[in-house]
Amino acid sequence: RMSLKDQVVAALKKVYDPEMPINIYDLGLIYDVAVDDAAAVGQVRIRMTLTAPNCPVAGTLPAEVERAIRAVPGVAGVKLELTFDPPWSKDRMSEAAKLALGIEDFIPIARLPR
């Protein structure tokens, strides 16, 4: 059985940045997921950012994230903190996300034998 935190992460991976075909978790927008399930109810704290402070989805994406987490069975409350410190950069993206977007500067170039 998946832990509550794993279920929350799975829910986050279903939320997509509307400007990119990548989920917000692999995009690196989620800085921290803390789950307090010591009590009978799960309280989830999320620290997240946006790709830019003036991002067009600034008004809607945090609410969408909160809805996705609240839909996870066992989650009783969500506290979402939006931060821009540290600022988001492509370095926060998962390797799968970088590959999907064609950002391949982390793949070493194979040297052909001479």
C-alpha atoms as a PDB file:
ATOM      1  CA  ARG A   1       0.000   0.000   0.000  1.00  0.00           C
ATOM      2  CA  MET A   2       1.314   3.442  -0.941  1.00  0.00           C
ATOM      3  CA  SER A   3       2.065   5.825   1.891  1.00  0.00           C
ATOM      4  CA  LEU A   4      -0.035   8.979   2.112  1.00  0.00           C
ATOM      5  CA  LYS A   5       2.969  11.021   0.955  1.00  0.00           C
ATOM      6  CA  ASP A   6       3.398   8.758  -2.111  1.00  0.00           C
ATOM      7  CA  GLN A   7      -0.309   9.183  -2.886  1.00  0.00           C
ATOM      8  CA  VAL A   8       0.038  12.965  -2.603  1.00  0.00           C
ATOM      9  CA  VAL A   9       3.066  12.926  -4.947  1.00  0.00           C
ATOM     10  CA  ALA A  10       1.096  10.746  -7.398  1.00  0.00           C
ATOM     11  CA  ALA A  11      -1.736  13.336  -7.288  1.00  0.00           C
ATOM     12  CA  LEU A  12       0.761  16.157  -7.912  1.00  0.00           C
ATOM     13  CA  LYS A  13       2.048  14.289 -10.975  1.00  0.00           C
ATOM     14  CA  LYS A  14      -1.452  14.600 -12.474  1.00  0.00           C
ATOM     15  CA  VAL A  15      -1.352  18.414 -12.353  1.00  0.00           C
ATOM     16  CA  TYR A  16       0.205  19.995 -15.422  1.00  0.00           C
ATOM     17  CA  ASP A  17       1.630  23.403 -16.105  1.00  0.00           C
ATOM     18  CA  PRO A  18      -0.673  24.665 -18.894  1.00  0.00           C
ATOM     19  CA  GLU A  19       2.297  26.090 -20.799  1.00  0.00           C
ATOM     20  CA  MET A  20       4.314  22.862 -20.839  1.00  0.00           C
ATOM     21  CA  PRO A  21       3.419  19.198 -21.348  1.00  0.00           C
ATOM     22  CA  ILE A  22       5.097  18.314 -18.045  1.00  0.00           C
ATOM     23  CA  ASN A  23       3.528  17.705 -14.651  1.00  0.00           C
ATOM     24  CA  ILE A  24       4.386  20.215 -11.933  1.00  0.00           C
ATOM     25  CA  TYR A  25       6.258  17.634  -9.836  1.00  0.00           C
ATOM     26  CA  ASP A  26       8.690  16.644 -12.589  1.00  0.00           C
ATOM     27  CA  LEU A  27       8.919  20.290 -13.594  1.00  0.00           C
ATOM     28  CA  GLY A  28      10.408  20.965 -10.158  1.00  0.00           C
ATOM     29  CA  LEU A  29       7.715  23.390  -9.005  1.00  0.00           C
ATOM     30  CA  ILE A  30       7.139  21.422  -5.792  1.00  0.00           C
ATOM     31  CA  TYR A  31       9.855  22.311  -3.287  1.00  0.00           C
ATOM     32  CA  ASP A  32       8.568  20.333  -0.325  1.00  0.00           C
ATOM     33  CA  VAL A  33       5.839  17.832   0.522  1.00  0.00           C
ATOM     34  CA  ALA A  34       5.294  17.256   4.231  1.00  0.00           C
ATOM     35  CA  VAL A  35       2.640  14.856   5.445  1.00  0.00           C
ATOM     36  CA  ASP A  36       1.641  14.666   9.098  1.00  0.00           C
ATOM     37  CA  ASP A  37      -0.371  11.486   9.388  1.00  0.00           C
ATOM     38  CA  ALA A  38       0.441  10.883  13.049  1.00  0.00           C
ATOM     39  CA  ALA A  39      -3.135  11.776  13.879  1.00  0.00           C
ATOM     40  CA  ALA A  40      -6.027   9.893  12.335  1.00  0.00           C
ATOM     41  CA  VAL A  41      -6.272  12.607   9.681  1.00  0.00           C
ATOM     42  CA  GLY A  42      -3.616  13.582   7.178  1.00  0.00           C
ATOM     43  CA  GLN A  43      -2.430  17.164   7.148  1.00  0.00           C
ATOM     44  CA  VAL A  44      -0.366  18.015   4.081  1.00  0.00           C
ATOM     45  CA  ARG A  45       1.971  20.992   3.737  1.00  0.00           C
ATOM     46  CA  ILE A  46       3.198  21.908   0.272  1.00  0.00           C
ATOM     47  CA  ARG A  47       5.882  24.453  -0.600  1.00  0.00           C
ATOM     48  CA  MET A  48       5.748  25.266  -4.267  1.00  0.00           C
ATOM     49  CA  THR A  49       6.758  27.884  -6.769  1.00  0.00           C
ATOM     50  CA  LEU A  50       5.832  28.943 -10.289  1.00  0.00           C
ATOM     51  CA  THR A  51       8.141  29.215 -13.280  1.00  0.00           C
ATOM     52  CA  ALA A  52       7.954  33.018 -12.888  1.00  0.00           C
ATOM     53  CA  PRO A  53       6.314  35.402 -10.377  1.00  0.00           C
ATOM     54  CA  ASN A  54       4.163  36.893 -13.177  1.00  0.00           C
ATOM     55  CA  CYS A  55       3.228  33.443 -14.504  1.00  0.00           C
ATOM     56  CA  PRO A  56      -0.235  33.531 -16.160  1.00  0.00           C
ATOM     57  CA  VAL A  57      -1.431  30.643 -13.962  1.00  0.00           C
ATOM     58  CA  ALA A  58      -0.386  32.284 -10.680  1.00  0.00           C
ATOM     59  CA  GLY A  59      -4.032  32.722  -9.737  1.00  0.00           C
ATOM     60  CA  THR A  60      -5.240  29.256 -10.696  1.00  0.00           C
ATOM     61  CA  LEU A  61      -2.415  26.710 -10.375  1.00  0.00           C
ATOM     62  CA  PRO A  62      -2.084  26.787  -6.546  1.00  0.00           C
ATOM     63  CA  ALA A  63      -5.864  26.223  -6.223  1.00  0.00           C
ATOM     64  CA  GLU A  64      -5.651  23.344  -8.708  1.00  0.00           C
ATOM     65  CA  VAL A  65      -2.788  21.809  -6.693  1.00  0.00           C
ATOM     66  CA  GLU A  66      -4.789  22.130  -3.481  1.00  0.00           C
ATOM     67  CA  ARG A  67      -7.848  20.495  -5.093  1.00  0.00           C
ATOM     68  CA  ALA A  68      -5.742  17.577  -6.376  1.00  0.00           C
ATOM     69  CA  ILE A  69      -4.272  16.951  -2.919  1.00  0.00           C
ATOM     70  CA  ARG A  70      -7.614  17.255  -1.114  1.00  0.00           C
ATOM     71  CA  ALA A  71      -8.973  14.548  -3.457  1.00  0.00           C
ATOM     72  CA  VAL A  72      -6.454  12.018  -2.067  1.00  0.00           C
ATOM     73  CA  PRO A  73      -8.213   9.655   0.392  1.00  0.00           C
ATOM     74  CA  GLY A  74      -6.924  10.276   3.914  1.00  0.00           C
ATOM     75  CA  VAL A  75      -6.039  13.932   3.386  1.00  0.00           C
ATOM     76  CA  ALA A  76      -7.942  16.126   5.817  1.00  0.00           C
ATOM     77  CA  GLY A  77      -6.224  19.455   5.302  1.00  0.00           C
ATOM     78  CA  VAL A  78      -3.828  21.196   2.941  1.00  0.00           C
ATOM     79  CA  LYS A  79      -1.573  24.133   3.703  1.00  0.00           C
ATOM     80  CA  LEU A  80      -0.022  25.493   0.536  1.00  0.00           C
ATOM     81  CA  GLU A  81       2.817  27.982   0.638  1.00  0.00           C
ATOM     82  CA  LEU A  82       3.754  29.747  -2.588  1.00  0.00           C
ATOM     83  CA  THR A  83       7.353  30.938  -2.630  1.00  0.00           C
ATOM     84  CA  PHE A  84       9.821  32.399  -5.102  1.00  0.00           C
ATOM     85  CA  ASP A  85      12.835  31.774  -2.900  1.00  0.00           C
ATOM     86  CA  PRO A  86      14.794  30.147  -4.347  1.00  0.00           C
ATOM     87  CA  PRO A  87      13.584  31.085  -7.822  1.00  0.00           C
ATOM     88  CA  TRP A  88      12.668  28.192 -10.088  1.00  0.00           C
ATOM     89  CA  SER A  89      15.174  27.169 -12.740  1.00  0.00           C
ATOM     90  CA  LYS A  90      15.329  24.334 -15.248  1.00  0.00           C
ATOM     91  CA  ASP A  91      17.915  22.663 -12.987  1.00  0.00           C
ATOM     92  CA  ARG A  92      15.025  21.653 -10.707  1.00  0.00           C
ATOM     93  CA  MET A  93      13.421  19.565 -13.458  1.00  0.00           C
ATOM     94  CA  SER A  94      13.598  15.771 -13.426  1.00  0.00           C
ATOM     95  CA  GLU A  95      15.696  14.121 -16.134  1.00  0.00           C
ATOM     96  CA  ALA A  96      12.473  12.807 -17.723  1.00  0.00           C
ATOM     97  CA  ALA A  97      11.097  16.363 -17.923  1.00  0.00           C
ATOM     98  CA  LYS A  98      14.335  17.675 -19.449  1.00  0.00           C
ATOM     99  CA  LEU A  99      14.247  14.924 -22.054  1.00  0.00           C
ATOM    100  CA  ALA A 100      10.583  15.604 -22.827  1.00  0.00           C
ATOM    101  CA  LEU A 101      11.329  19.285 -23.427  1.00  0.00           C
ATOM    102  CA  GLY A 102      14.535  18.576 -25.341  1.00  0.00           C
ATOM    103  CA  ILE A 103      16.766  20.158 -22.710  1.00  0.00           C
ATOM    104  CA  GLU A 104      19.610  17.706 -23.004  1.00  0.00           C
ATOM    105  CA  ASP A 105      22.572  19.659 -21.738  1.00  0.00           C
ATOM    106  CA  PHE A 106      22.999  17.164 -18.914  1.00  0.00           C
ATOM    107  CA  ILE A 107      23.662  14.209 -21.243  1.00  0.00           C
ATOM    108  CA  PRO A 108      27.370  13.705 -21.888  1.00  0.00           C
ATOM    109  CA  ILE A 109      28.244  13.600 -25.553  1.00  0.00           C
ATOM    110  CA  ALA A 110      29.630  10.206 -26.468  1.00  0.00           C
ATOM    111  CA  ARG A 111      33.089  10.435 -27.957  1.00  0.00           C
ATOM    112  CA  LEU A 112      33.637   8.339 -31.021  1.00  0.00           C
ATOM    113  CA  PRO A 113      36.892   6.391 -31.127  1.00  0.00           C
ATOM    114  CA  ARG A 114      39.338   7.728 -33.690  1.00  0.00           C
END
